[in-house]
C-alpha atoms as a PDB file:
ATOM      1  CA  UNK A   1     113.887 145.551  53.541  1.00  0.00           C
ATOM      2  CA  UNK A   2     113.001 147.471  50.393  1.00  0.00           C
ATOM      3  CA  UNK A   3     115.554 149.997  49.161  1.00  0.00           C
ATOM      4  CA  UNK A   4     114.882 152.896  46.834  1.00  0.00           C
ATOM      5  CA  UNK A   5     116.962 152.807  43.654  1.00  0.00           C
ATOM      6  CA  UNK A   6     116.136 156.315  42.483  1.00  0.00           C
ATOM      7  CA  UNK A   7     113.704 159.076  43.472  1.00  0.00           C
ATOM      8  CA  UNK A   8     111.968 160.407  40.350  1.00  0.00           C
ATOM      9  CA  UNK A   9     110.612 163.928  40.072  1.00  0.00           C
ATOM     10  CA  UNK A  10     106.881 164.514  40.344  1.00  0.00           C
ATOM     11  CA  UNK A  11     105.374 164.570  36.857  1.00  0.00           C
ATOM     12  CA  UNK A  12     107.844 162.072  35.368  1.00  0.00           C
ATOM     13  CA  UNK A  13     106.169 160.382  32.390  1.00  0.00           C
ATOM     14  CA  UNK A  14     109.018 158.569  30.605  1.00  0.00           C
ATOM     15  CA  UNK A  15     112.438 157.101  31.327  1.00  0.00           C
ATOM     16  CA  UNK A  16     115.278 155.268  29.606  1.00  0.00           C
ATOM     17  CA  UNK A  17     118.415 153.503  30.844  1.00  0.00           C
ATOM     18  CA  UNK A  18     121.601 153.788  28.807  1.00  0.00           C
ATOM     19  CA  UNK A  19     123.308 150.747  27.267  1.00  0.00           C
ATOM     20  CA  UNK A  20     124.857 149.448  30.524  1.00  0.00           C
ATOM     21  CA  UNK A  21     122.161 150.701  32.931  1.00  0.00           C
ATOM     22  CA  UNK A  22     124.608 153.099  34.575  1.00  0.00           C
ATOM     23  CA  UNK A  23     122.736 156.257  33.588  1.00  0.00           C
ATOM     24  CA  UNK A  24     119.029 157.059  33.608  1.00  0.00           C
ATOM     25  CA  UNK A  25     117.283 159.748  31.563  1.00  0.00           C
ATOM     26  CA  UNK A  26     113.749 160.874  32.431  1.00  0.00           C
ATOM     27  CA  UNK A  27     111.249 163.345  30.994  1.00  0.00           C
ATOM     28  CA  UNK A  28     108.524 165.279  32.808  1.00  0.00           C
ATOM     29  CA  UNK A  29     105.242 166.978  31.941  1.00  0.00           C
ATOM     30  CA  UNK A  30     106.860 170.423  32.223  1.00  0.00           C
ATOM     31  CA  UNK A  31     109.441 169.685  29.497  1.00  0.00           C
ATOM     32  CA  UNK A  32     112.421 168.859  31.726  1.00  0.00           C
ATOM     33  CA  UNK A  33     115.037 166.243  30.845  1.00  0.00           C
ATOM     34  CA  UNK A  34     116.788 164.833  33.931  1.00  0.00           C
ATOM     35  CA  UNK A  35     119.936 162.687  34.046  1.00  0.00           C
ATOM     36  CA  UNK A  36     120.631 160.366  36.982  1.00  0.00           C
ATOM     37  CA  UNK A  37     124.039 158.861  37.795  1.00  0.00           C
ATOM     38  CA  UNK A  38     125.251 156.466  40.543  1.00  0.00           C
ATOM     39  CA  UNK A  39     126.295 158.045  43.823  1.00  0.00           C
ATOM     40  CA  UNK A  40     129.610 156.193  43.413  1.00  0.00           C
ATOM     41  CA  UNK A  41     130.849 153.383  41.114  1.00  0.00           C
ATOM     42  CA  UNK A  42     129.914 150.678  43.605  1.00  0.00           C
ATOM     43  CA  UNK A  43     126.521 152.163  44.504  1.00  0.00           C
ATOM     44  CA  UNK A  44     123.137 150.897  43.376  1.00  0.00           C
ATOM     45  CA  UNK A  45     121.488 154.231  44.225  1.00  0.00           C
ATOM     46  CA  UNK A  46     121.191 157.090  41.740  1.00  0.00           C
ATOM     47  CA  UNK A  47     120.923 160.858  42.141  1.00  0.00           C
ATOM     48  CA  UNK A  48     120.009 163.578  39.674  1.00  0.00           C
ATOM     49  CA  UNK A  49     123.144 165.193  38.231  1.00  0.00           C
ATOM     50  CA  UNK A  50     121.630 167.338  35.458  1.00  0.00           C
ATOM     51  CA  UNK A  51     118.338 169.032  34.673  1.00  0.00           C
ATOM     52  CA  UNK A  52     117.702 170.543  31.249  1.00  0.00           C
ATOM     53  CA  UNK A  53     114.574 172.394  30.142  1.00  0.00           C
ATOM     54  CA  UNK A  54     114.226 171.047  26.615  1.00  0.00           C
ATOM     55  CA  UNK A  55     110.754 172.357  25.745  1.00  0.00           C
ATOM     56  CA  UNK A  56     107.617 174.047  27.055  1.00  0.00           C
ATOM     57  CA  UNK A  57     105.634 170.901  26.276  1.00  0.00           C
ATOM     58  CA  UNK A  58     106.046 167.653  28.172  1.00  0.00           C
ATOM     59  CA  UNK A  59     108.759 165.156  27.247  1.00  0.00           C
ATOM     60  CA  UNK A  60     106.948 161.983  26.147  1.00  0.00           C
ATOM     61  CA  UNK A  61     109.925 159.811  25.190  1.00  0.00           C
ATOM     62  CA  UNK A  62     113.682 159.760  25.759  1.00  0.00           C
ATOM     63  CA  UNK A  63     116.083 157.484  23.863  1.00  0.00           C
ATOM     64  CA  UNK A  64     119.835 157.153  24.427  1.00  0.00           C
ATOM     65  CA  UNK A  65     122.125 157.364  21.417  1.00  0.00           C
ATOM     66  CA  UNK A  66     124.335 154.237  21.019  1.00  0.00           C
ATOM     67  CA  UNK A  67     127.435 154.652  23.237  1.00  0.00           C
ATOM     68  CA  UNK A  68     130.026 154.776  20.440  1.00  0.00           C
ATOM     69  CA  UNK A  69     128.550 158.152  19.466  1.00  0.00           C
ATOM     70  CA  UNK A  70     128.948 159.741  22.884  1.00  0.00           C
ATOM     71  CA  UNK A  71     126.528 160.579  25.685  1.00  0.00           C
ATOM     72  CA  UNK A  72     123.436 161.944  23.974  1.00  0.00           C
ATOM     73  CA  UNK A  73     119.664 161.633  24.282  1.00  0.00           C
ATOM     74  CA  UNK A  74     116.855 162.132  21.763  1.00  0.00           C
ATOM     75  CA  UNK A  75     113.638 163.676  23.128  1.00  0.00           C
ATOM     76  CA  UNK A  76     110.119 163.527  21.695  1.00  0.00           C
ATOM     77  CA  UNK A  77     107.811 166.160  23.183  1.00  0.00           C
ATOM     78  CA  UNK A  78     104.022 166.394  23.527  1.00  0.00           C
ATOM     79  CA  UNK A  79     103.709 168.765  20.576  1.00  0.00           C
ATOM     80  CA  UNK A  80     105.464 166.237  18.341  1.00  0.00           C
ATOM     81  CA  UNK A  81     108.846 167.956  18.162  1.00  0.00           C
ATOM     82  CA  UNK A  82     112.090 165.975  18.125  1.00  0.00           C
ATOM     83  CA  UNK A  83     115.416 167.198  19.502  1.00  0.00           C
ATOM     84  CA  UNK A  84     118.844 165.745  20.234  1.00  0.00           C
ATOM     85  CA  UNK A  85     120.822 166.722  23.352  1.00  0.00           C
ATOM     86  CA  UNK A  86     124.498 165.963  23.941  1.00  0.00           C
ATOM     87  CA  UNK A  87     126.737 166.057  27.014  1.00  0.00           C
ATOM     88  CA  UNK A  88     129.795 168.149  26.114  1.00  0.00           C
ATOM     89  CA  UNK A  89     132.823 169.891  27.614  1.00  0.00           C
ATOM     90  CA  UNK A  90     133.349 173.519  26.648  1.00  0.00           C
ATOM     91  CA  UNK A  91     136.386 175.606  27.578  1.00  0.00           C
ATOM     92  CA  UNK A  92     137.415 173.451  30.539  1.00  0.00           C
ATOM     93  CA  UNK A  93     133.966 173.916  32.088  1.00  0.00           C
ATOM     94  CA  UNK A  94     132.129 171.048  33.811  1.00  0.00           C
ATOM     95  CA  UNK A  95     130.126 168.687  31.630  1.00  0.00           C
ATOM     96  CA  UNK A  96     126.966 170.300  30.291  1.00  0.00           C
ATOM     97  CA  UNK A  97     124.011 169.140  28.205  1.00  0.00           C
ATOM     98  CA  UNK A  98     123.568 171.163  25.014  1.00  0.00           C
ATOM     99  CA  UNK A  99     121.062 171.124  22.184  1.00  0.00           C
ATOM    100  CA  UNK A 100     122.855 169.782  19.118  1.00  0.00           C
ATOM    101  CA  UNK A 101     119.950 169.219  16.689  1.00  0.00           C
ATOM    102  CA  UNK A 102     116.265 170.027  16.338  1.00  0.00           C
ATOM    103  CA  UNK A 103     114.433 168.138  13.603  1.00  0.00           C
ATOM    104  CA  UNK A 104     111.875 170.268  11.802  1.00  0.00           C
ATOM    105  CA  UNK A 105     108.545 169.022  10.459  1.00  0.00           C
ATOM    106  CA  UNK A 106     105.982 170.977   8.472  1.00  0.00           C
ATOM    107  CA  UNK A 107     102.802 169.783  10.179  1.00  0.00           C
ATOM    108  CA  UNK A 108     103.037 166.117  11.202  1.00  0.00           C
ATOM    109  CA  UNK A 109     104.082 165.254  14.748  1.00  0.00           C
ATOM    110  CA  UNK A 110     106.713 162.718  15.744  1.00  0.00           C
ATOM    111  CA  UNK A 111     105.065 159.785  17.537  1.00  0.00           C
ATOM    112  CA  UNK A 112     108.041 157.490  18.146  1.00  0.00           C
ATOM    113  CA  UNK A 113     111.740 157.167  17.331  1.00  0.00           C
ATOM    114  CA  UNK A 114     114.474 154.562  17.587  1.00  0.00           C
ATOM    115  CA  UNK A 115     118.192 154.702  16.878  1.00  0.00           C
ATOM    116  CA  UNK A 116     120.278 151.859  15.495  1.00  0.00           C
ATOM    117  CA  UNK A 117     123.758 151.160  14.164  1.00  0.00           C
ATOM    118  CA  UNK A 118     123.943 149.815  10.606  1.00  0.00           C
ATOM    119  CA  UNK A 119     126.706 148.885   8.171  1.00  0.00           C
ATOM    120  CA  UNK A 120     126.947 152.528   7.095  1.00  0.00           C
ATOM    121  CA  UNK A 121     126.723 154.113  10.549  1.00  0.00           C
ATOM    122  CA  UNK A 122     124.069 155.547  12.863  1.00  0.00           C
ATOM    123  CA  UNK A 123     120.447 155.725  11.678  1.00  0.00           C
ATOM    124  CA  UNK A 124     117.286 157.050  13.291  1.00  0.00           C
ATOM    125  CA  UNK A 125     113.776 155.889  12.403  1.00  0.00           C
ATOM    126  CA  UNK A 126     110.900 158.270  13.155  1.00  0.00           C
ATOM    127  CA  UNK A 127     107.157 157.579  12.830  1.00  0.00           C
ATOM    128  CA  UNK A 128     104.864 160.568  12.199  1.00  0.00           C
ATOM    129  CA  UNK A 129     101.211 161.338  12.869  1.00  0.00           C
ATOM    130  CA  UNK A 130     100.416 161.457   9.129  1.00  0.00           C
ATOM    131  CA  UNK A 131     101.442 157.806   8.744  1.00  0.00           C
ATOM    132  CA  UNK A 132     104.844 158.478   7.206  1.00  0.00           C
ATOM    133  CA  UNK A 133     108.136 156.938   8.279  1.00  0.00           C
ATOM    134  CA  UNK A 134     111.388 158.857   7.937  1.00  0.00           C
ATOM    135  CA  UNK A 135     114.869 157.375   8.209  1.00  0.00           C
ATOM    136  CA  UNK A 136     117.715 159.766   8.982  1.00  0.00           C
ATOM    137  CA  UNK A 137     121.408 158.932   8.839  1.00  0.00           C
ATOM    138  CA  UNK A 138     124.304 160.603  10.613  1.00  0.00           C
ATOM    139  CA  UNK A 139     126.805 162.072   8.144  1.00  0.00           C
ATOM    140  CA  UNK A 140     129.761 162.465  10.515  1.00  0.00           C
ATOM    141  CA  UNK A 141     130.212 160.185  13.557  1.00  0.00           C
ATOM    142  CA  UNK A 142     131.954 163.043  15.367  1.00  0.00           C
ATOM    143  CA  UNK A 143     129.155 165.576  14.740  1.00  0.00           C
ATOM    144  CA  UNK A 144     125.742 164.607  16.090  1.00  0.00           C
ATOM    145  CA  UNK A 145     124.209 167.727  14.543  1.00  0.00           C
ATOM    146  CA  UNK A 146     124.825 166.617  10.947  1.00  0.00           C
ATOM    147  CA  UNK A 147     121.952 164.404   9.782  1.00  0.00           C
ATOM    148  CA  UNK A 148     120.333 163.872   6.423  1.00  0.00           C
ATOM    149  CA  UNK A 149     117.033 162.320   5.392  1.00  0.00           C
ATOM    150  CA  UNK A 150     117.812 158.957   3.813  1.00  0.00           C
ATOM    151  CA  UNK A 151     114.285 157.733   3.050  1.00  0.00           C
ATOM    152  CA  UNK A 152     110.582 158.458   3.539  1.00  0.00           C
ATOM    153  CA  UNK A 153     107.794 155.917   3.032  1.00  0.00           C
ATOM    154  CA  UNK A 154     104.541 154.549   4.469  1.00  0.00           C
ATOM    155  CA  UNK A 155     103.978 151.438   6.563  1.00  0.00           C
ATOM    156  CA  UNK A 156     102.305 149.353   3.836  1.00  0.00           C
ATOM    157  CA  UNK A 157     103.155 145.829   2.675  1.00  0.00           C
ATOM    158  CA  UNK A 158     103.211 146.853  -0.977  1.00  0.00           C
ATOM    159  CA  UNK A 159     106.126 149.273  -1.121  1.00  0.00           C
ATOM    160  CA  UNK A 160     104.751 150.742  -4.378  1.00  0.00           C
ATOM    161  CA  UNK A 161     101.374 151.746  -2.922  1.00  0.00           C
ATOM    162  CA  UNK A 162     100.763 155.082  -1.263  1.00  0.00           C
ATOM    163  CA  UNK A 163      97.806 156.086   0.894  1.00  0.00           C
ATOM    164  CA  UNK A 164      96.202 159.421   1.550  1.00  0.00           C
ATOM    165  CA  UNK A 165      96.921 161.416   4.662  1.00  0.00           C
ATOM    166  CA  UNK A 166      96.219 159.315   7.748  1.00  0.00           C
ATOM    167  CA  UNK A 167      95.463 160.270  11.322  1.00  0.00           C
ATOM    168  CA  UNK A 168      97.713 158.349  13.702  1.00  0.00           C
ATOM    169  CA  UNK A 169      97.502 158.723  17.479  1.00  0.00           C
ATOM    170  CA  UNK A 170     100.555 156.589  18.319  1.00  0.00           C
ATOM    171  CA  UNK A 171     103.235 154.377  16.827  1.00  0.00           C
ATOM    172  CA  UNK A 172     105.819 151.914  18.061  1.00  0.00           C
ATOM    173  CA  UNK A 173     109.234 151.090  16.580  1.00  0.00           C
ATOM    174  CA  UNK A 174     111.754 148.438  17.604  1.00  0.00           C
ATOM    175  CA  UNK A 175     115.164 148.175  15.969  1.00  0.00           C
ATOM    176  CA  UNK A 176     116.691 144.756  15.338  1.00  0.00           C
ATOM    177  CA  UNK A 177     119.141 144.468  18.269  1.00  0.00           C
ATOM    178  CA  UNK A 178     121.513 142.218  16.324  1.00  0.00           C
ATOM    179  CA  UNK A 179     124.693 143.995  15.256  1.00  0.00           C
ATOM    180  CA  UNK A 180     127.274 142.460  12.937  1.00  0.00           C
ATOM    181  CA  UNK A 181     129.269 143.173   9.821  1.00  0.00           C
ATOM    182  CA  UNK A 182     126.941 141.030   7.700  1.00  0.00           C
ATOM    183  CA  UNK A 183     123.720 142.210   9.338  1.00  0.00           C
ATOM    184  CA  UNK A 184     121.491 144.454   7.240  1.00  0.00           C
ATOM    185  CA  UNK A 185     119.573 147.220   8.994  1.00  0.00           C
ATOM    186  CA  UNK A 186     116.045 146.190   9.959  1.00  0.00           C
ATOM    187  CA  UNK A 187     113.251 147.292  12.271  1.00  0.00           C
ATOM    188  CA  UNK A 188     109.600 146.525  13.042  1.00  0.00           C
ATOM    189  CA  UNK A 189     106.929 149.225  13.182  1.00  0.00           C
ATOM    190  CA  UNK A 190     103.186 149.407  13.836  1.00  0.00           C
ATOM    191  CA  UNK A 191     100.674 152.274  13.993  1.00  0.00           C
ATOM    192  CA  UNK A 192      97.560 153.084  15.982  1.00  0.00           C
ATOM    193  CA  UNK A 193      95.641 154.942  13.264  1.00  0.00           C
ATOM    194  CA  UNK A 194      92.353 155.347  11.391  1.00  0.00           C
ATOM    195  CA  UNK A 195      93.868 153.662   8.324  1.00  0.00           C
ATOM    196  CA  UNK A 196      93.827 149.837   8.601  1.00  0.00           C
ATOM    197  CA  UNK A 197      96.547 149.307   5.958  1.00  0.00           C
ATOM    198  CA  UNK A 198      99.050 151.259   8.069  1.00  0.00           C
ATOM    199  CA  UNK A 199      98.369 149.614  11.414  1.00  0.00           C
ATOM    200  CA  UNK A 200      99.746 146.090  11.209  1.00  0.00           C
ATOM    201  CA  UNK A 201     103.366 145.607  12.248  1.00  0.00           C
ATOM    202  CA  UNK A 202     105.732 145.364   9.277  1.00  0.00           C
ATOM    203  CA  UNK A 203     109.375 144.320   9.315  1.00  0.00           C
ATOM    204  CA  UNK A 204     111.480 146.654   7.172  1.00  0.00           C
ATOM    205  CA  UNK A 205     114.955 145.785   5.901  1.00  0.00           C
ATOM    206  CA  UNK A 206     117.444 147.924   4.006  1.00  0.00           C
ATOM    207  CA  UNK A 207     118.202 146.591   0.531  1.00  0.00           C
ATOM    208  CA  UNK A 208     121.879 147.451   0.127  1.00  0.00           C
ATOM    209  CA  UNK A 209     121.959 146.607  -3.595  1.00  0.00           C
ATOM    210  CA  UNK A 210     119.160 149.030  -4.495  1.00  0.00           C
ATOM    211  CA  UNK A 211     119.649 151.444  -1.573  1.00  0.00           C
ATOM    212  CA  UNK A 212     116.041 151.325  -0.408  1.00  0.00           C
ATOM    213  CA  UNK A 213     113.887 150.047   2.449  1.00  0.00           C
ATOM    214  CA  UNK A 214     111.636 147.072   1.715  1.00  0.00           C
ATOM    215  CA  UNK A 215     108.855 145.370   3.741  1.00  0.00           C
ATOM    216  CA  UNK A 216     109.958 141.762   4.241  1.00  0.00           C
ATOM    217  CA  UNK A 217     107.254 140.507   6.639  1.00  0.00           C
ATOM    218  CA  UNK A 218     103.869 141.420   8.112  1.00  0.00           C
ATOM    219  CA  UNK A 219     103.165 140.305  11.681  1.00  0.00           C
ATOM    220  CA  UNK A 220      99.402 139.832  11.511  1.00  0.00           C
ATOM    221  CA  UNK A 221      96.969 137.107  10.525  1.00  0.00           C
ATOM    222  CA  UNK A 222      94.621 137.955   7.612  1.00  0.00           C
ATOM    223  CA  UNK A 223      91.727 138.837   9.927  1.00  0.00           C
ATOM    224  CA  UNK A 224      93.884 140.982  12.212  1.00  0.00           C
ATOM    225  CA  UNK A 225      95.701 143.210   9.712  1.00  0.00           C
ATOM    226  CA  UNK A 226      93.633 146.298  10.520  1.00  0.00           C
ATOM    227  CA  UNK A 227      94.089 146.000  14.300  1.00  0.00           C
ATOM    228  CA  UNK A 228      95.635 149.048  15.899  1.00  0.00           C
ATOM    229  CA  UNK A 229      99.114 148.362  17.278  1.00  0.00           C
ATOM    230  CA  UNK A 230     100.069 149.759  20.683  1.00  0.00           C
ATOM    231  CA  UNK A 231     103.622 148.458  21.119  1.00  0.00           C
ATOM    232  CA  UNK A 232     106.257 146.266  19.455  1.00  0.00           C
ATOM    233  CA  UNK A 233     109.484 144.751  20.820  1.00  0.00           C
ATOM    234  CA  UNK A 234     112.226 142.843  18.949  1.00  0.00           C
ATOM    235  CA  UNK A 235     114.037 140.325  21.163  1.00  0.00           C
ATOM    236  CA  UNK A 236     117.831 139.901  21.277  1.00  0.00           C
ATOM    237  CA  UNK A 237     118.873 136.705  19.538  1.00  0.00           C
ATOM    238  CA  UNK A 238     121.522 134.488  21.085  1.00  0.00           C
ATOM    239  CA  UNK A 239     121.865 131.574  18.704  1.00  0.00           C
ATOM    240  CA  UNK A 240     118.215 131.018  17.720  1.00  0.00           C
ATOM    241  CA  UNK A 241     117.502 129.977  14.098  1.00  0.00           C
ATOM    242  CA  UNK A 242     114.701 132.586  14.027  1.00  0.00           C
ATOM    243  CA  UNK A 243     113.902 136.031  15.432  1.00  0.00           C
ATOM    244  CA  UNK A 244     111.282 136.666  18.140  1.00  0.00           C
ATOM    245  CA  UNK A 245     109.078 139.774  18.041  1.00  0.00           C
ATOM    246  CA  UNK A 246     106.248 140.768  20.397  1.00  0.00           C
ATOM    247  CA  UNK A 247     103.288 142.830  19.147  1.00  0.00           C
ATOM    248  CA  UNK A 248     100.593 144.353  21.409  1.00  0.00           C
ATOM    249  CA  UNK A 249      97.086 145.069  20.086  1.00  0.00           C
ATOM    250  CA  UNK A 250      93.632 145.268  21.671  1.00  0.00           C
ATOM    251  CA  UNK A 251      93.447 141.448  21.429  1.00  0.00           C
ATOM    252  CA  UNK A 252      96.540 140.932  23.584  1.00  0.00           C
ATOM    253  CA  UNK A 253     100.253 140.390  23.070  1.00  0.00           C
ATOM    254  CA  UNK A 254     101.234 138.117  20.190  1.00  0.00           C
ATOM    255  CA  UNK A 255     104.611 136.406  20.008  1.00  0.00           C
ATOM    256  CA  UNK A 256     105.951 135.893  16.489  1.00  0.00           C
ATOM    257  CA  UNK A 257     108.792 133.821  15.092  1.00  0.00           C
ATOM    258  CA  UNK A 258     110.429 135.468  12.080  1.00  0.00           C
ATOM    259  CA  UNK A 259     112.477 133.321   9.706  1.00  0.00           C
ATOM    260  CA  UNK A 260     116.030 134.283   8.798  1.00  0.00           C
ATOM    261  CA  UNK A 261     116.115 133.090   5.181  1.00  0.00           C
ATOM    262  CA  UNK A 262     114.106 135.062   2.600  1.00  0.00           C
ATOM    263  CA  UNK A 263     112.139 133.346  -0.160  1.00  0.00           C
ATOM    264  CA  UNK A 264     112.688 134.186  -3.826  1.00  0.00           C
ATOM    265  CA  UNK A 265     110.482 137.269  -3.419  1.00  0.00           C
ATOM    266  CA  UNK A 266     112.614 138.517  -0.538  1.00  0.00           C
ATOM    267  CA  UNK A 267     109.938 137.790   2.090  1.00  0.00           C
ATOM    268  CA  UNK A 268     110.631 136.212   5.480  1.00  0.00           C
ATOM    269  CA  UNK A 269     108.421 133.503   6.969  1.00  0.00           C
ATOM    270  CA  UNK A 270     106.315 134.358  10.044  1.00  0.00           C
ATOM    271  CA  UNK A 271     104.680 132.117  12.643  1.00  0.00           C
ATOM    272  CA  UNK A 272     102.367 133.247  15.435  1.00  0.00           C
ATOM    273  CA  UNK A 273     103.329 131.070  18.407  1.00  0.00           C
ATOM    274  CA  UNK A 274     101.439 132.627  21.337  1.00  0.00           C
ATOM    275  CA  UNK A 275      98.748 135.085  22.397  1.00  0.00           C
ATOM    276  CA  UNK A 276      99.350 136.489  25.895  1.00  0.00           C
ATOM    277  CA  UNK A 277      96.393 137.945  27.798  1.00  0.00           C
ATOM    278  CA  UNK A 278      96.199 139.279  31.321  1.00  0.00           C
ATOM    279  CA  UNK A 279      96.482 143.061  31.106  1.00  0.00           C
ATOM    280  CA  UNK A 280      93.294 145.047  31.580  1.00  0.00           C
ATOM    281  CA  UNK A 281      93.319 147.596  28.757  1.00  0.00           C
ATOM    282  CA  UNK A 282      96.055 148.749  26.407  1.00  0.00           C
ATOM    283  CA  UNK A 283      99.678 147.632  26.704  1.00  0.00           C
ATOM    284  CA  UNK A 284     101.871 150.714  26.411  1.00  0.00           C
ATOM    285  CA  UNK A 285     105.375 149.359  26.635  1.00  0.00           C
ATOM    286  CA  UNK A 286     107.266 146.085  26.240  1.00  0.00           C
ATOM    287  CA  UNK A 287     110.936 145.310  26.877  1.00  0.00           C
ATOM    288  CA  UNK A 288     112.999 142.117  26.516  1.00  0.00           C
ATOM    289  CA  UNK A 289     115.820 141.128  28.832  1.00  0.00           C
ATOM    290  CA  UNK A 290     119.350 140.855  27.418  1.00  0.00           C
ATOM    291  CA  UNK A 291     118.945 137.144  26.645  1.00  0.00           C
ATOM    292  CA  UNK A 292     115.681 137.613  24.737  1.00  0.00           C
ATOM    293  CA  UNK A 293     114.012 135.026  26.972  1.00  0.00           C
ATOM    294  CA  UNK A 294     111.865 137.188  29.287  1.00  0.00           C
ATOM    295  CA  UNK A 295     109.387 139.851  28.150  1.00  0.00           C
ATOM    296  CA  UNK A 296     108.293 142.641  30.505  1.00  0.00           C
ATOM    297  CA  UNK A 297     105.026 144.454  29.703  1.00  0.00           C
ATOM    298  CA  UNK A 298     102.949 147.232  31.245  1.00  0.00           C
ATOM    299  CA  UNK A 299      99.938 149.326  30.341  1.00  0.00           C
ATOM    300  CA  UNK A 300      96.643 150.892  31.399  1.00  0.00           C
ATOM    301  CA  UNK A 301      96.245 148.679  34.466  1.00  0.00           C
ATOM    302  CA  UNK A 302      99.566 149.829  35.944  1.00  0.00           C
ATOM    303  CA  UNK A 303     100.732 146.229  36.370  1.00  0.00           C
ATOM    304  CA  UNK A 304     104.165 145.050  35.200  1.00  0.00           C
ATOM    305  CA  UNK A 305     104.012 141.467  33.959  1.00  0.00           C
ATOM    306  CA  UNK A 306     106.897 139.138  33.110  1.00  0.00           C
ATOM    307  CA  UNK A 307     106.402 136.442  30.462  1.00  0.00           C
ATOM    308  CA  UNK A 308     108.525 133.417  29.565  1.00  0.00           C
ATOM    309  CA  UNK A 309     108.213 130.257  27.504  1.00  0.00           C
ATOM    310  CA  UNK A 310     108.992 126.832  28.906  1.00  0.00           C
ATOM    311  CA  UNK A 311     111.171 124.178  27.270  1.00  0.00           C
ATOM    312  CA  UNK A 312     108.187 123.073  25.183  1.00  0.00           C
ATOM    313  CA  UNK A 313     107.727 126.584  23.789  1.00  0.00           C
ATOM    314  CA  UNK A 314     104.569 127.312  25.779  1.00  0.00           C
ATOM    315  CA  UNK A 315     104.384 130.920  26.965  1.00  0.00           C
ATOM    316  CA  UNK A 316     103.101 131.793  30.433  1.00  0.00           C
ATOM    317  CA  UNK A 317     103.068 134.639  32.938  1.00  0.00           C
ATOM    318  CA  UNK A 318     106.078 134.302  35.231  1.00  0.00           C
ATOM    319  CA  UNK A 319     105.341 137.177  37.622  1.00  0.00           C
ATOM    320  CA  UNK A 320     103.170 140.269  38.093  1.00  0.00           C
ATOM    321  CA  UNK A 321     104.003 143.443  40.027  1.00  0.00           C
ATOM    322  CA  UNK A 322     101.048 145.499  41.214  1.00  0.00           C
ATOM    323  CA  UNK A 323     101.371 149.285  41.637  1.00  0.00           C
ATOM    324  CA  UNK A 324     101.795 150.553  45.184  1.00  0.00           C
ATOM    325  CA  UNK A 325     100.120 153.635  46.604  1.00  0.00           C
END
């Protein structure tokens, strides 16, 4: 017998589980952020415990802040604004969600964000509708309102080149999930824009010696570099001698192997190992399981598909879940 895990509000358009899947954040078309918690510690059912009106425009994306920085959620709204909300205790009152930071932008809209922990602390990568990328860093781990802009650049392979103002309708960012004392910060990002040079997914890594972000790989074959990117997803790595990254374009979902050892120019080797087709239309979202072995995808057709590779490295569709009325 089927059992409902959680009842979402009408108009819900995005959701995000926290690090241990014990809390769920959702956003709706009317600008409401909702937080769901288990009915009790042993329960698999969730109920809404908080509702916060974060904006007049719809909430398009919610992202949990890494747990060592408290219970907080970043929200991207339909008008391109970005805000950070934190659960706090004030004057012995019950827990409440409060606005702790609103990031201002002159004209460009925020399309996507991701948060990651680096050697120097918490960083946030934001992609904007004018084709720019901004990296913010948290100045004080105890104060989520204190951020500074660390870097701003464009998604081009030649880090010296700059392009004119672009028109980007969407972007996708995925932070390298590996975390270790020797691990440099890195992420992959692709755009859906009118500027071919910006579109292809690039892997960016922070150069500690020169304190700058550098493109170390491009995940596209020569004839595909202008293809608009809909989604990217960096897989967790448990002992592999390479990284695995999925990239969704109009041609399908490509699986890439990314080398770990840079050449003398600082570039990492890339190898396209699979092209997954099956979705009808755009793929909006992709997520890896904790082992980095199974990829879940969904898109325009409303179908959730699970993909795996066999022992010979051949990728195939493992399961498909059709939408129910």
